[in-house]
Structures are given as structure tokens and as C-alpha cells.
Amino acid sequence: MRKSQHKVAPINVSSCPQCGEAKLHHRACPSCGTYKDRTVIETEA
């Protein structure tokens, strides 16, 4: 590997449109469990 490949890229974080918590792009929100306006993970209320 070349040294140019050792660069660490910053993590892209966005806010969840449902609850406003920080989440990773293209991932379900760990706080409310929604992705693209659908509940995909059951969370404890």
C-alpha cells in the first residue's frame, strides 16, 4: 500500500428527520429506528 492510501476520511454524520439525533448516512437511526420514513428497527419506547 502506498502512503497516500493511509489517509483517514472523516465520518459523514447527518441528523435524523424524525427525531433530530445524529446518524450515519444511508443507515437506520439508532435512536428511533427509522430509515427513509419507515420503521425498520423496533426500539424500546
PDB file of N, CA and C in Angstrom:
ATOM      1  N   MET A   1       0.840  -1.189   0.000  1.00  0.00           N
ATOM      2  CA  MET A   1       0.000   0.000   0.000  1.00  0.00           C
ATOM      3  C   MET A   1       0.882   1.249   0.000  1.00  0.00           C
ATOM      4  N   ARG A   2       0.434   2.216  -0.712  1.00  0.00           N
ATOM      5  CA  ARG A   2       1.155   3.475  -0.738  1.00  0.00           C
ATOM      6  C   ARG A   2       0.733   4.339   0.444  1.00  0.00           C
ATOM      7  N   LYS A   3       1.582   5.270   0.785  1.00  0.00           N
ATOM      8  CA  LYS A   3       1.264   6.144   1.912  1.00  0.00           C
ATOM      9  C   LYS A   3       0.056   7.031   1.623  1.00  0.00           C
ATOM     10  N   SER A   4      -0.230   7.281   0.363  1.00  0.00           N
ATOM     11  CA  SER A   4      -1.393   8.107   0.035  1.00  0.00           C
ATOM     12  C   SER A   4      -2.701   7.398   0.368  1.00  0.00           C
ATOM     13  N   GLN A   5      -2.670   6.079   0.521  1.00  0.00           N
ATOM     14  CA  GLN A   5      -3.870   5.324   0.854  1.00  0.00           C
ATOM     15  C   GLN A   5      -4.098   5.229   2.358  1.00  0.00           C
ATOM     16  N   HIS A   6      -3.190   5.770   3.154  1.00  0.00           N
ATOM     17  CA  HIS A   6      -3.318   5.705   4.601  1.00  0.00           C
ATOM     18  C   HIS A   6      -4.127   6.875   5.156  1.00  0.00           C
ATOM     19  N   LYS A   7      -4.591   7.750   4.312  1.00  0.00           N
ATOM     20  CA  LYS A   7      -5.369   8.905   4.745  1.00  0.00           C
ATOM     21  C   LYS A   7      -6.694   8.441   5.346  1.00  0.00           C
ATOM     22  N   VAL A   8      -7.046   9.012   6.459  1.00  0.00           N
ATOM     23  CA  VAL A   8      -8.303   8.673   7.120  1.00  0.00           C
ATOM     24  C   VAL A   8      -9.355   9.697   6.703  1.00  0.00           C
ATOM     25  N   ALA A   9     -10.456   9.216   6.169  1.00  0.00           N
ATOM     26  CA  ALA A   9     -11.534  10.100   5.736  1.00  0.00           C
ATOM     27  C   ALA A   9     -12.441  10.425   6.925  1.00  0.00           C
ATOM     28  N   PRO A  10     -12.951  11.658   7.003  1.00  0.00           N
ATOM     29  CA  PRO A  10     -13.873  11.992   8.094  1.00  0.00           C
ATOM     30  C   PRO A  10     -15.206  11.267   7.933  1.00  0.00           C
ATOM     31  N   ILE A  11     -15.844  10.999   9.038  1.00  0.00           N
ATOM     32  CA  ILE A  11     -17.134  10.316   9.035  1.00  0.00           C
ATOM     33  C   ILE A  11     -18.234  11.331   8.741  1.00  0.00           C
ATOM     34  N   ASN A  12     -19.079  11.024   7.771  1.00  0.00           N
ATOM     35  CA  ASN A  12     -20.196  11.903   7.427  1.00  0.00           C
ATOM     36  C   ASN A  12     -21.376  11.593   8.340  1.00  0.00           C
ATOM     37  N   VAL A  13     -21.819  12.597   9.064  1.00  0.00           N
ATOM     38  CA  VAL A  13     -22.923  12.440  10.000  1.00  0.00           C
ATOM     39  C   VAL A  13     -24.014  13.427   9.619  1.00  0.00           C
ATOM     40  N   SER A  14     -25.254  12.962   9.614  1.00  0.00           N
ATOM     41  CA  SER A  14     -26.393  13.832   9.347  1.00  0.00           C
ATOM     42  C   SER A  14     -27.378  13.715  10.501  1.00  0.00           C
ATOM     43  N   SER A  15     -28.411  14.531  10.460  1.00  0.00           N
ATOM     44  CA  SER A  15     -29.418  14.463  11.516  1.00  0.00           C
ATOM     45  C   SER A  15     -30.639  13.706  11.011  1.00  0.00           C
ATOM     46  N   CYS A  16     -31.265  12.967  11.892  1.00  0.00           N
ATOM     47  CA  CYS A  16     -32.450  12.186  11.562  1.00  0.00           C
ATOM     48  C   CYS A  16     -33.635  13.141  11.376  1.00  0.00           C
ATOM     49  N   PRO A  17     -34.400  13.013  10.294  1.00  0.00           N
ATOM     50  CA  PRO A  17     -35.545  13.906  10.104  1.00  0.00           C
ATOM     51  C   PRO A  17     -36.684  13.646  11.086  1.00  0.00           C
ATOM     52  N   GLN A  18     -36.758  12.443  11.667  1.00  0.00           N
ATOM     53  CA  GLN A  18     -37.827  12.111  12.606  1.00  0.00           C
ATOM     54  C   GLN A  18     -37.543  12.655  14.008  1.00  0.00           C
ATOM     55  N   CYS A  19     -36.345  12.341  14.541  1.00  0.00           N
ATOM     56  CA  CYS A  19     -36.063  12.686  15.938  1.00  0.00           C
ATOM     57  C   CYS A  19     -34.975  13.738  16.100  1.00  0.00           C
ATOM     58  N   GLY A  20     -34.191  14.003  15.047  1.00  0.00           N
ATOM     59  CA  GLY A  20     -33.162  15.028  15.120  1.00  0.00           C
ATOM     60  C   GLY A  20     -31.828  14.559  15.675  1.00  0.00           C
ATOM     61  N   GLU A  21     -31.705  13.287  16.013  1.00  0.00           N
ATOM     62  CA  GLU A  21     -30.446  12.758  16.538  1.00  0.00           C
ATOM     63  C   GLU A  21     -29.441  12.571  15.402  1.00  0.00           C
ATOM     64  N   ALA A  22     -28.162  12.536  15.745  1.00  0.00           N
ATOM     65  CA  ALA A  22     -27.109  12.316  14.760  1.00  0.00           C
ATOM     66  C   ALA A  22     -27.107  10.856  14.321  1.00  0.00           C
ATOM     67  N   LYS A  23     -26.912  10.643  13.011  1.00  0.00           N
ATOM     68  CA  LYS A  23     -26.864   9.283  12.474  1.00  0.00           C
ATOM     69  C   LYS A  23     -25.926   9.263  11.284  1.00  0.00           C
ATOM     70  N   LEU A  24     -25.464   8.071  10.913  1.00  0.00           N
ATOM     71  CA  LEU A  24     -24.621   7.917   9.742  1.00  0.00           C
ATOM     72  C   LEU A  24     -25.479   7.941   8.479  1.00  0.00           C
ATOM     73  N   HIS A  25     -24.888   8.384   7.371  1.00  0.00           N
ATOM     74  CA  HIS A  25     -25.601   8.400   6.094  1.00  0.00           C
ATOM     75  C   HIS A  25     -25.953   6.985   5.656  1.00  0.00           C
ATOM     76  N   HIS A  26     -27.092   6.816   5.047  1.00  0.00           N
ATOM     77  CA  HIS A  26     -27.569   5.543   4.486  1.00  0.00           C
ATOM     78  C   HIS A  26     -27.646   4.440   5.537  1.00  0.00           C
ATOM     79  N   ARG A  27     -27.952   4.799   6.773  1.00  0.00           N
ATOM     80  CA  ARG A  27     -28.108   3.834   7.860  1.00  0.00           C
ATOM     81  C   ARG A  27     -29.387   4.177   8.615  1.00  0.00           C
ATOM     82  N   ALA A  28     -29.953   3.201   9.286  1.00  0.00           N
ATOM     83  CA  ALA A  28     -31.127   3.448  10.118  1.00  0.00           C
ATOM     84  C   ALA A  28     -30.700   4.237  11.352  1.00  0.00           C
ATOM     85  N   CYS A  29     -31.577   5.076  11.843  1.00  0.00           N
ATOM     86  CA  CYS A  29     -31.298   5.877  13.031  1.00  0.00           C
ATOM     87  C   CYS A  29     -31.265   4.959  14.250  1.00  0.00           C
ATOM     88  N   PRO A  30     -30.194   4.980  15.038  1.00  0.00           N
ATOM     89  CA  PRO A  30     -30.135   4.116  16.214  1.00  0.00           C
ATOM     90  C   PRO A  30     -31.066   4.576  17.334  1.00  0.00           C
ATOM     91  N   SER A  31     -31.514   5.822  17.279  1.00  0.00           N
ATOM     92  CA  SER A  31     -32.366   6.353  18.334  1.00  0.00           C
ATOM     93  C   SER A  31     -33.834   5.976  18.134  1.00  0.00           C
ATOM     94  N   CYS A  32     -34.366   6.225  16.927  1.00  0.00           N
ATOM     95  CA  CYS A  32     -35.787   5.958  16.693  1.00  0.00           C
ATOM     96  C   CYS A  32     -36.030   4.767  15.763  1.00  0.00           C
ATOM     97  N   GLY A  33     -34.999   4.283  15.059  1.00  0.00           N
ATOM     98  CA  GLY A  33     -35.134   3.092  14.230  1.00  0.00           C
ATOM     99  C   GLY A  33     -35.777   3.311  12.878  1.00  0.00           C
ATOM    100  N   THR A  34     -35.758   4.533  12.359  1.00  0.00           N
ATOM    101  CA  THR A  34     -36.371   4.793  11.062  1.00  0.00           C
ATOM    102  C   THR A  34     -35.312   4.957   9.982  1.00  0.00           C
ATOM    103  N   TYR A  35     -35.708   4.618   8.750  1.00  0.00           N
ATOM    104  CA  TYR A  35     -34.875   4.833   7.573  1.00  0.00           C
ATOM    105  C   TYR A  35     -35.811   5.130   6.415  1.00  0.00           C
ATOM    106  N   LYS A  36     -35.634   6.265   5.770  1.00  0.00           N
ATOM    107  CA  LYS A  36     -36.485   6.716   4.663  1.00  0.00           C
ATOM    108  C   LYS A  36     -37.963   6.673   5.042  1.00  0.00           C
ATOM    109  N   ASP A  37     -38.305   7.268   6.158  1.00  0.00           N
ATOM    110  CA  ASP A  37     -39.680   7.411   6.654  1.00  0.00           C
ATOM    111  C   ASP A  37     -40.365   6.088   6.956  1.00  0.00           C
ATOM    112  N   ARG A  38     -39.606   5.016   7.153  1.00  0.00           N
ATOM    113  CA  ARG A  38     -40.172   3.723   7.538  1.00  0.00           C
ATOM    114  C   ARG A  38     -39.475   3.234   8.796  1.00  0.00           C
ATOM    115  N   THR A  39     -40.218   2.592   9.683  1.00  0.00           N
ATOM    116  CA  THR A  39     -39.626   1.999  10.876  1.00  0.00           C
ATOM    117  C   THR A  39     -39.043   0.650  10.492  1.00  0.00           C
ATOM    118  N   VAL A  40     -37.723   0.523  10.614  1.00  0.00           N
ATOM    119  CA  VAL A  40     -37.056  -0.717  10.226  1.00  0.00           C
ATOM    120  C   VAL A  40     -36.464  -1.447  11.426  1.00  0.00           C
ATOM    121  N   ILE A  41     -36.330  -0.761  12.556  1.00  0.00           N
ATOM    122  CA  ILE A  41     -35.807  -1.358  13.776  1.00  0.00           C
ATOM    123  C   ILE A  41     -36.780  -1.056  14.907  1.00  0.00           C
ATOM    124  N   GLU A  42     -37.202  -2.081  15.607  1.00  0.00           N
ATOM    125  CA  GLU A  42     -38.069  -1.873  16.765  1.00  0.00           C
ATOM    126  C   GLU A  42     -37.220  -1.371  17.932  1.00  0.00           C
ATOM    127  N   THR A  43     -37.595  -0.227  18.505  1.00  0.00           N
ATOM    128  CA  THR A  43     -36.878   0.333  19.645  1.00  0.00           C
ATOM    129  C   THR A  43     -37.793   0.356  20.851  1.00  0.00           C
ATOM    130  N   GLU A  44     -37.190   0.331  22.029  1.00  0.00           N
ATOM    131  CA  GLU A  44     -37.982   0.407  23.262  1.00  0.00           C
ATOM    132  C   GLU A  44     -38.438   1.838  23.468  1.00  0.00           C
ATOM    133  N   ALA A  45     -39.677   2.022  23.788  1.00  0.00           N
ATOM    134  CA  ALA A  45     -40.225   3.366  23.970  1.00  0.00           C
ATOM    135  C   ALA A  45     -40.223   3.775  25.416  1.00  0.00           C
TER     136      ALA A  45
END
